[in-house]
Amino acid sequence: LLSADANIDPQVLNIVQCHKEQYDGSGYPRGL
């Protein structure tokens, strides 16, 4: 939804995409 808006800062998208990742790799969506 946010990436469809050209005015959204790419760094904002990066935070949103990774905010549920966890330090030990048990988070989601990519297991970082």
Full PDB file with SEQRES, HELIX, SHEET, SSBOND, CRYST1, ORIGX, SCALE, CONECT and MASTER records, all heavy atoms in Angstrom:
SEQRES   1 A   32  LEU LEU SER ALA ASP ALA ASN ILE ASP PRO GLN VAL LEU          
SEQRES   2 A   32  ASN ILE VAL GLN CYS HIS LYS GLU GLN TYR ASP GLY SER          
SEQRES   3 A   32  GLY TYR PRO ARG GLY LEU                                      
HELIX    1 AA1 PRO A   10  CYS A   18  1                                   9    
CRYST1    1.000    1.000    1.000  90.00  90.00  90.00 P 1           1          
ORIGX1      1.000000  0.000000  0.000000        0.00000                         
ORIGX2      0.000000  1.000000  0.000000        0.00000                         
ORIGX3      0.000000  0.000000  1.000000        0.00000                         
SCALE1      1.000000  0.000000  0.000000        0.00000                         
SCALE2      0.000000  1.000000  0.000000        0.00000                         
SCALE3      0.000000  0.000000  1.000000        0.00000                         
ATOM      1  N   LEU A   1       0.824  -1.212   0.000  1.00  0.00           N  
ATOM      2  CA  LEU A   1       0.000   0.000   0.000  1.00  0.00           C  
ATOM      3  C   LEU A   1       0.858   1.262   0.000  1.00  0.00           C  
ATOM      4  O   LEU A   1       0.596   2.212  -0.748  1.00  0.00           O  
ATOM      5  CB  LEU A   1      -0.922  -0.004   1.228  1.00  0.00           C  
ATOM      6  CG  LEU A   1      -2.103  -0.966   1.201  1.00  0.00           C  
ATOM      7  CD1 LEU A   1      -2.712  -1.077   2.586  1.00  0.00           C  
ATOM      8  CD2 LEU A   1      -3.143  -0.491   0.196  1.00  0.00           C  
ATOM      9  N   LEU A   2       1.873   1.278   0.850  1.00  0.00           N  
ATOM     10  CA  LEU A   2       2.701   2.478   0.977  1.00  0.00           C  
ATOM     11  C   LEU A   2       3.613   2.679  -0.236  1.00  0.00           C  
ATOM     12  O   LEU A   2       3.865   3.815  -0.644  1.00  0.00           O  
ATOM     13  CB  LEU A   2       3.539   2.395   2.259  1.00  0.00           C  
ATOM     14  CG  LEU A   2       2.740   2.380   3.570  1.00  0.00           C  
ATOM     15  CD1 LEU A   2       3.677   2.163   4.756  1.00  0.00           C  
ATOM     16  CD2 LEU A   2       1.961   3.679   3.757  1.00  0.00           C  
ATOM     17  N   SER A   3       4.106   1.599  -0.802  1.00  0.00           N  
ATOM     18  CA  SER A   3       5.024   1.731  -1.939  1.00  0.00           C  
ATOM     19  C   SER A   3       4.313   2.236  -3.187  1.00  0.00           C  
ATOM     20  O   SER A   3       4.958   2.704  -4.127  1.00  0.00           O  
ATOM     21  CB  SER A   3       5.710   0.392  -2.228  1.00  0.00           C  
ATOM     22  OG  SER A   3       4.760  -0.599  -2.554  1.00  0.00           O  
ATOM     23  N   ALA A   4       2.974   2.149  -3.200  1.00  0.00           N  
ATOM     24  CA  ALA A   4       2.219   2.673  -4.337  1.00  0.00           C  
ATOM     25  C   ALA A   4       2.243   4.193  -4.375  1.00  0.00           C  
ATOM     26  O   ALA A   4       1.882   4.797  -5.390  1.00  0.00           O  
ATOM     27  CB  ALA A   4       0.777   2.176  -4.275  1.00  0.00           C  
ATOM     28  N   ASP A   5       2.656   4.818  -3.265  1.00  0.00           N  
ATOM     29  CA  ASP A   5       2.730   6.277  -3.188  1.00  0.00           C  
ATOM     30  C   ASP A   5       4.172   6.707  -3.436  1.00  0.00           C  
ATOM     31  O   ASP A   5       5.071   6.394  -2.646  1.00  0.00           O  
ATOM     32  CB  ASP A   5       2.275   6.749  -1.801  1.00  0.00           C  
ATOM     33  CG  ASP A   5       2.096   8.255  -1.726  1.00  0.00           C  
ATOM     34  OD1 ASP A   5       2.848   8.981  -2.398  1.00  0.00           O  
ATOM     35  OD2 ASP A   5       1.211   8.706  -0.972  1.00  0.00           O  
ATOM     36  N   ALA A   6       4.402   7.431  -4.501  1.00  0.00           N  
ATOM     37  CA  ALA A   6       5.758   7.846  -4.873  1.00  0.00           C  
ATOM     38  C   ALA A   6       6.375   8.804  -3.864  1.00  0.00           C  
ATOM     39  O   ALA A   6       7.599   9.003  -3.851  1.00  0.00           O  
ATOM     40  CB  ALA A   6       5.735   8.497  -6.257  1.00  0.00           C  
ATOM     41  N   ASN A   7       5.549   9.407  -3.006  1.00  0.00           N  
ATOM     42  CA  ASN A   7       6.059  10.374  -2.035  1.00  0.00           C  
ATOM     43  C   ASN A   7       6.554   9.728  -0.743  1.00  0.00           C  
ATOM     44  O   ASN A   7       7.089  10.421   0.121  1.00  0.00           O  
ATOM     45  CB  ASN A   7       4.976  11.402  -1.697  1.00  0.00           C  
ATOM     46  CG  ASN A   7       4.591  12.245  -2.897  1.00  0.00           C  
ATOM     47  OD1 ASN A   7       5.462  12.720  -3.623  1.00  0.00           O  
ATOM     48  ND2 ASN A   7       3.294  12.408  -3.119  1.00  0.00           N  
ATOM     49  N   ILE A   8       6.360   8.421  -0.570  1.00  0.00           N  
ATOM     50  CA  ILE A   8       6.808   7.739   0.642  1.00  0.00           C  
ATOM     51  C   ILE A   8       8.313   7.509   0.559  1.00  0.00           C  
ATOM     52  O   ILE A   8       8.826   6.964  -0.416  1.00  0.00           O  
ATOM     53  CB  ILE A   8       6.079   6.397   0.828  1.00  0.00           C  
ATOM     54  CG1 ILE A   8       4.607   6.631   1.187  1.00  0.00           C  
ATOM     55  CG2 ILE A   8       6.735   5.559   1.919  1.00  0.00           C  
ATOM     56  CD1 ILE A   8       4.370   7.183   2.571  1.00  0.00           C  
ATOM     57  N   ASP A   9       9.020   7.928   1.593  1.00  0.00           N  
ATOM     58  CA  ASP A   9      10.467   7.759   1.684  1.00  0.00           C  
ATOM     59  C   ASP A   9      10.822   6.265   1.662  1.00  0.00           C  
ATOM     60  O   ASP A   9      10.246   5.478   2.413  1.00  0.00           O  
ATOM     61  CB  ASP A   9      10.942   8.400   2.999  1.00  0.00           C  
ATOM     62  CG  ASP A   9      12.445   8.488   3.116  1.00  0.00           C  
ATOM     63  OD1 ASP A   9      13.132   7.562   2.658  1.00  0.00           O  
ATOM     64  OD2 ASP A   9      12.936   9.481   3.692  1.00  0.00           O  
ATOM     65  N   PRO A  10      11.771   5.842   0.825  1.00  0.00           N  
ATOM     66  CA  PRO A  10      12.175   4.426   0.807  1.00  0.00           C  
ATOM     67  C   PRO A  10      12.618   3.903   2.173  1.00  0.00           C  
ATOM     68  O   PRO A  10      12.422   2.721   2.480  1.00  0.00           O  
ATOM     69  CB  PRO A  10      13.338   4.405  -0.195  1.00  0.00           C  
ATOM     70  CG  PRO A  10      13.085   5.571  -1.098  1.00  0.00           C  
ATOM     71  CD  PRO A  10      12.474   6.616  -0.212  1.00  0.00           C  
ATOM     72  N   GLN A  11      13.217   4.776   2.986  1.00  0.00           N  
ATOM     73  CA  GLN A  11      13.632   4.358   4.327  1.00  0.00           C  
ATOM     74  C   GLN A  11      12.422   4.014   5.180  1.00  0.00           C  
ATOM     75  O   GLN A  11      12.462   3.087   6.003  1.00  0.00           O  
ATOM     76  CB  GLN A  11      14.449   5.466   5.000  1.00  0.00           C  
ATOM     77  CG  GLN A  11      14.908   5.164   6.410  1.00  0.00           C  
ATOM     78  CD  GLN A  11      15.999   4.126   6.477  1.00  0.00           C  
ATOM     79  OE1 GLN A  11      15.905   3.064   5.862  1.00  0.00           O  
ATOM     80  NE2 GLN A  11      17.043   4.418   7.236  1.00  0.00           N  
ATOM     81  N   VAL A  12      11.319   4.737   4.998  1.00  0.00           N  
ATOM     82  CA  VAL A  12      10.076   4.427   5.713  1.00  0.00           C  
ATOM     83  C   VAL A  12       9.592   3.027   5.328  1.00  0.00           C  
ATOM     84  O   VAL A  12       9.210   2.223   6.190  1.00  0.00           O  
ATOM     85  CB  VAL A  12       8.993   5.484   5.409  1.00  0.00           C  
ATOM     86  CG1 VAL A  12       7.633   5.040   5.938  1.00  0.00           C  
ATOM     87  CG2 VAL A  12       9.382   6.830   6.027  1.00  0.00           C  
ATOM     88  N   LEU A  13       9.629   2.723   4.039  1.00  0.00           N  
ATOM     89  CA  LEU A  13       9.219   1.390   3.582  1.00  0.00           C  
ATOM     90  C   LEU A  13      10.106   0.311   4.190  1.00  0.00           C  
ATOM     91  O   LEU A  13       9.617  -0.760   4.582  1.00  0.00           O  
ATOM     92  CB  LEU A  13       9.307   1.323   2.058  1.00  0.00           C  
ATOM     93  CG  LEU A  13       8.290   2.144   1.266  1.00  0.00           C  
ATOM     94  CD1 LEU A  13       8.588   2.054  -0.222  1.00  0.00           C  
ATOM     95  CD2 LEU A  13       6.872   1.685   1.552  1.00  0.00           C  
ATOM     96  N   ASN A  14      11.407   0.585   4.277  1.00  0.00           N  
ATOM     97  CA  ASN A  14      12.348  -0.385   4.833  1.00  0.00           C  
ATOM     98  C   ASN A  14      12.038  -0.683   6.297  1.00  0.00           C  
ATOM     99  O   ASN A  14      12.092  -1.824   6.749  1.00  0.00           O  
ATOM    100  CB  ASN A  14      13.770   0.163   4.696  1.00  0.00           C  
ATOM    101  CG  ASN A  14      14.815  -0.927   4.696  1.00  0.00           C  
ATOM    102  OD1 ASN A  14      14.523  -2.089   4.419  1.00  0.00           O  
ATOM    103  ND2 ASN A  14      16.036  -0.562   5.018  1.00  0.00           N  
ATOM    104  N   ILE A  15      11.702   0.369   7.063  1.00  0.00           N  
ATOM    105  CA  ILE A  15      11.354   0.184   8.480  1.00  0.00           C  
ATOM    106  C   ILE A  15      10.084  -0.643   8.610  1.00  0.00           C  
ATOM    107  O   ILE A  15      10.007  -1.585   9.407  1.00  0.00           O  
ATOM    108  CB  ILE A  15      11.179   1.551   9.171  1.00  0.00           C  
ATOM    109  CG1 ILE A  15      12.484   2.349   9.134  1.00  0.00           C  
ATOM    110  CG2 ILE A  15      10.723   1.362  10.627  1.00  0.00           C  
ATOM    111  CD1 ILE A  15      12.320   3.801   9.539  1.00  0.00           C  
ATOM    112  N   VAL A  16       9.071  -0.284   7.820  1.00  0.00           N  
ATOM    113  CA  VAL A  16       7.790  -1.003   7.882  1.00  0.00           C  
ATOM    114  C   VAL A  16       8.002  -2.479   7.536  1.00  0.00           C  
ATOM    115  O   VAL A  16       7.466  -3.368   8.205  1.00  0.00           O  
ATOM    116  CB  VAL A  16       6.767  -0.357   6.925  1.00  0.00           C  
ATOM    117  CG1 VAL A  16       5.503  -1.210   6.839  1.00  0.00           C  
ATOM    118  CG2 VAL A  16       6.418   1.051   7.399  1.00  0.00           C  
ATOM    119  N   GLN A  17       8.785  -2.756   6.501  1.00  0.00           N  
ATOM    120  CA  GLN A  17       8.991  -4.130   6.057  1.00  0.00           C  
ATOM    121  C   GLN A  17       9.713  -4.981   7.091  1.00  0.00           C  
ATOM    122  O   GLN A  17       9.489  -6.184   7.175  1.00  0.00           O  
ATOM    123  CB  GLN A  17       9.781  -4.136   4.746  1.00  0.00           C  
ATOM    124  CG  GLN A  17       9.911  -5.516   4.121  1.00  0.00           C  
ATOM    125  CD  GLN A  17      10.526  -5.449   2.750  1.00  0.00           C  
ATOM    126  OE1 GLN A  17      11.539  -4.790   2.547  1.00  0.00           O  
ATOM    127  NE2 GLN A  17       9.904  -6.129   1.783  1.00  0.00           N  
ATOM    128  N   CYS A  18      10.573  -4.341   7.907  1.00  0.00           N  
ATOM    129  CA  CYS A  18      11.437  -5.114   8.817  1.00  0.00           C  
ATOM    130  C   CYS A  18      11.065  -5.008  10.289  1.00  0.00           C  
ATOM    131  O   CYS A  18      11.749  -5.593  11.135  1.00  0.00           O  
ATOM    132  CB  CYS A  18      12.892  -4.676   8.640  1.00  0.00           C  
ATOM    133  SG  CYS A  18      13.550  -4.937   6.981  1.00  0.00           S  
ATOM    134  N   HIS A  19      10.000  -4.290  10.632  1.00  0.00           N  
ATOM    135  CA  HIS A  19       9.762  -4.007  12.050  1.00  0.00           C  
ATOM    136  C   HIS A  19       9.313  -5.240  12.844  1.00  0.00           C  
ATOM    137  O   HIS A  19       9.370  -5.237  14.076  1.00  0.00           O  
ATOM    138  CB  HIS A  19       8.751  -2.860  12.212  1.00  0.00           C  
ATOM    139  CG  HIS A  19       7.319  -3.259  12.098  1.00  0.00           C  
ATOM    140  ND1 HIS A  19       6.679  -3.430  10.878  1.00  0.00           N  
ATOM    141  CD2 HIS A  19       6.376  -3.533  13.043  1.00  0.00           C  
ATOM    142  CE1 HIS A  19       5.429  -3.771  11.073  1.00  0.00           C  
ATOM    143  NE2 HIS A  19       5.210  -3.852  12.384  1.00  0.00           N  
ATOM    144  N   LYS A  20       8.876  -6.302  12.166  1.00  0.00           N  
ATOM    145  CA  LYS A  20       8.490  -7.524  12.884  1.00  0.00           C  
ATOM    146  C   LYS A  20       9.582  -8.599  12.843  1.00  0.00           C  
ATOM    147  O   LYS A  20       9.384  -9.711  13.341  1.00  0.00           O  
ATOM    148  CB  LYS A  20       7.188  -8.102  12.301  1.00  0.00           C  
ATOM    149  CG  LYS A  20       5.975  -7.198  12.492  1.00  0.00           C  
ATOM    150  CD  LYS A  20       5.678  -6.902  13.954  1.00  0.00           C  
ATOM    151  CE  LYS A  20       5.075  -8.079  14.669  1.00  0.00           C  
ATOM    152  NZ  LYS A  20       4.654  -7.735  16.056  1.00  0.00           N  
ATOM    153  N   GLU A  21      10.735  -8.275  12.245  1.00  0.00           N  
ATOM    154  CA  GLU A  21      11.872  -9.183  12.313  1.00  0.00           C  
ATOM    155  C   GLU A  21      12.407  -9.180  13.745  1.00  0.00           C  
ATOM    156  O   GLU A  21      12.240  -8.197  14.468  1.00  0.00           O  
ATOM    157  CB  GLU A  21      12.976  -8.736  11.340  1.00  0.00           C  
ATOM    158  CG  GLU A  21      12.545  -8.618   9.892  1.00  0.00           C  
ATOM    159  CD  GLU A  21      12.320  -9.967   9.220  1.00  0.00           C  
ATOM    160  OE1 GLU A  21      12.562 -11.006   9.863  1.00  0.00           O  
ATOM    161  OE2 GLU A  21      11.885  -9.971   8.051  1.00  0.00           O  
ATOM    162  N   GLN A  22      13.056 -10.268  14.149  1.00  0.00           N  
ATOM    163  CA  GLN A  22      13.567 -10.355  15.513  1.00  0.00           C  
ATOM    164  C   GLN A  22      15.055 -10.669  15.509  1.00  0.00           C  
ATOM    165  O   GLN A  22      15.585 -11.300  14.586  1.00  0.00           O  
ATOM    166  CB  GLN A  22      12.787 -11.393  16.313  1.00  0.00           C  
ATOM    167  CG  GLN A  22      11.313 -11.017  16.437  1.00  0.00           C  
ATOM    168  CD  GLN A  22      10.617 -11.660  17.608  1.00  0.00           C  
ATOM    169  OE1 GLN A  22      11.103 -12.613  18.202  1.00  0.00           O  
ATOM    170  NE2 GLN A  22       9.462 -11.117  17.970  1.00  0.00           N  
ATOM    171  N   TYR A  23      15.695 -10.231  16.570  1.00  0.00           N  
ATOM    172  CA  TYR A  23      17.154 -10.251  16.657  1.00  0.00           C  
ATOM    173  C   TYR A  23      17.738 -11.647  16.431  1.00  0.00           C  
ATOM    174  O   TYR A  23      18.803 -11.797  15.846  1.00  0.00           O  
ATOM    175  CB  TYR A  23      17.567  -9.718  18.031  1.00  0.00           C  
ATOM    176  CG  TYR A  23      19.033  -9.434  18.188  1.00  0.00           C  
ATOM    177  CD1 TYR A  23      19.623  -8.341  17.550  1.00  0.00           C  
ATOM    178  CD2 TYR A  23      19.830 -10.235  18.999  1.00  0.00           C  
ATOM    179  CE1 TYR A  23      20.969  -8.056  17.705  1.00  0.00           C  
ATOM    180  CE2 TYR A  23      21.175  -9.962  19.160  1.00  0.00           C  
ATOM    181  CZ  TYR A  23      21.743  -8.875  18.512  1.00  0.00           C  
ATOM    182  OH  TYR A  23      23.074  -8.596  18.669  1.00  0.00           O  
ATOM    183  N   ASP A  24      17.040 -12.692  16.892  1.00  0.00           N  
ATOM    184  CA  ASP A  24      17.558 -14.060  16.770  1.00  0.00           C  
ATOM    185  C   ASP A  24      17.104 -14.746  15.488  1.00  0.00           C  
ATOM    186  O   ASP A  24      17.332 -15.954  15.303  1.00  0.00           O  
ATOM    187  CB  ASP A  24      17.160 -14.898  17.985  1.00  0.00           C  
ATOM    188  CG  ASP A  24      15.634 -15.001  18.161  1.00  0.00           C  
ATOM    189  OD1 ASP A  24      14.894 -14.461  17.309  1.00  0.00           O  
ATOM    190  OD2 ASP A  24      15.199 -15.607  19.151  1.00  0.00           O  
ATOM    191  N   GLY A  25      16.446 -14.008  14.597  1.00  0.00           N  
ATOM    192  CA  GLY A  25      16.025 -14.579  13.321  1.00  0.00           C  
ATOM    193  C   GLY A  25      14.660 -15.238  13.344  1.00  0.00           C  
ATOM    194  O   GLY A  25      14.236 -15.816  12.336  1.00  0.00           O  
ATOM    195  N   SER A  26      13.930 -15.140  14.463  1.00  0.00           N  
ATOM    196  CA  SER A  26      12.641 -15.824  14.587  1.00  0.00           C  
ATOM    197  C   SER A  26      11.459 -14.974  14.132  1.00  0.00           C  
ATOM    198  O   SER A  26      10.316 -15.396  14.236  1.00  0.00           O  
ATOM    199  CB  SER A  26      12.417 -16.253  16.046  1.00  0.00           C  
ATOM    200  OG  SER A  26      12.345 -15.106  16.895  1.00  0.00           O  
ATOM    201  N   GLY A  27      11.736 -13.771  13.625  1.00  0.00           N  
ATOM    202  CA  GLY A  27      10.649 -12.887  13.214  1.00  0.00           C  
ATOM    203  C   GLY A  27      10.191 -13.153  11.790  1.00  0.00           C  
ATOM    204  O   GLY A  27      10.511 -14.175  11.177  1.00  0.00           O  
ATOM    205  N   TYR A  28       9.430 -12.207  11.246  1.00  0.00           N  
ATOM    206  CA  TYR A  28       8.885 -12.350   9.896  1.00  0.00           C  
ATOM    207  C   TYR A  28       8.837 -10.978   9.238  1.00  0.00           C  
ATOM    208  O   TYR A  28       8.984  -9.964   9.933  1.00  0.00           O  
ATOM    209  CB  TYR A  28       7.484 -12.989   9.955  1.00  0.00           C  
ATOM    210  CG  TYR A  28       6.447 -12.227  10.758  1.00  0.00           C  
ATOM    211  CD1 TYR A  28       5.627 -11.254  10.183  1.00  0.00           C  
ATOM    212  CD2 TYR A  28       6.278 -12.485  12.120  1.00  0.00           C  
ATOM    213  CE1 TYR A  28       4.677 -10.567  10.926  1.00  0.00           C  
ATOM    214  CE2 TYR A  28       5.328 -11.802  12.873  1.00  0.00           C  
ATOM    215  CZ  TYR A  28       4.535 -10.849  12.270  1.00  0.00           C  
ATOM    216  OH  TYR A  28       3.596 -10.174  13.005  1.00  0.00           O  
ATOM    217  N   PRO A  29       8.747 -10.877   7.913  1.00  0.00           N  
ATOM    218  CA  PRO A  29       8.441 -11.939   6.947  1.00  0.00           C  
ATOM    219  C   PRO A  29       9.664 -12.665   6.382  1.00  0.00           C  
ATOM    220  O   PRO A  29       9.503 -13.715   5.745  1.00  0.00           O  
ATOM    221  CB  PRO A  29       7.724 -11.170   5.831  1.00  0.00           C  
ATOM    222  CG  PRO A  29       8.320  -9.801   5.871  1.00  0.00           C  
ATOM    223  CD  PRO A  29       8.599  -9.522   7.322  1.00  0.00           C  
ATOM    224  N   ARG A  30      10.898 -12.162   6.604  1.00  0.00           N  
ATOM    225  CA  ARG A  30      12.053 -12.769   5.921  1.00  0.00           C  
ATOM    226  C   ARG A  30      13.012 -13.501   6.853  1.00  0.00           C  
ATOM    227  O   ARG A  30      13.996 -14.072   6.398  1.00  0.00           O  
ATOM    228  CB  ARG A  30      12.814 -11.684   5.158  1.00  0.00           C  
ATOM    229  CG  ARG A  30      12.050 -11.114   3.966  1.00  0.00           C  
ATOM    230  CD  ARG A  30      12.877 -10.120   3.184  1.00  0.00           C  
ATOM    231  NE  ARG A  30      13.046  -8.870   3.927  1.00  0.00           N  
ATOM    232  CZ  ARG A  30      13.905  -7.907   3.569  1.00  0.00           C  
ATOM    233  NH1 ARG A  30      14.679  -8.081   2.525  1.00  0.00           N  
ATOM    234  NH2 ARG A  30      13.977  -6.802   4.274  1.00  0.00           N  
ATOM    235  N   GLY A  31      12.764 -13.485   8.157  1.00  0.00           N  
ATOM    236  CA  GLY A  31      13.644 -14.182   9.083  1.00  0.00           C  
ATOM    237  C   GLY A  31      15.020 -13.544   9.197  1.00  0.00           C  
ATOM    238  O   GLY A  31      16.019 -14.242   9.417  1.00  0.00           O  
ATOM    239  N   LEU A  32      15.095 -12.215   9.102  1.00  0.00           N  
ATOM    240  CA  LEU A  32      16.374 -11.515   9.250  1.00  0.00           C  
ATOM    241  C   LEU A  32      16.834 -11.601  10.696  1.00  0.00           C  
ATOM    242  O   LEU A  32      16.035 -11.771  11.613  1.00  0.00           O  
ATOM    243  CB  LEU A  32      16.231 -10.051   8.827  1.00  0.00           C  
ATOM    244  CG  LEU A  32      15.747  -9.781   7.394  1.00  0.00           C  
ATOM    245  CD1 LEU A  32      15.659  -8.285   7.146  1.00  0.00           C  
ATOM    246  CD2 LEU A  32      16.654 -10.449   6.375  1.00  0.00           C  
TER     247      LEU A  32                                                      
MASTER        0    0    0    1    0    0    0    6  246    1    0    3          
END                                                                             
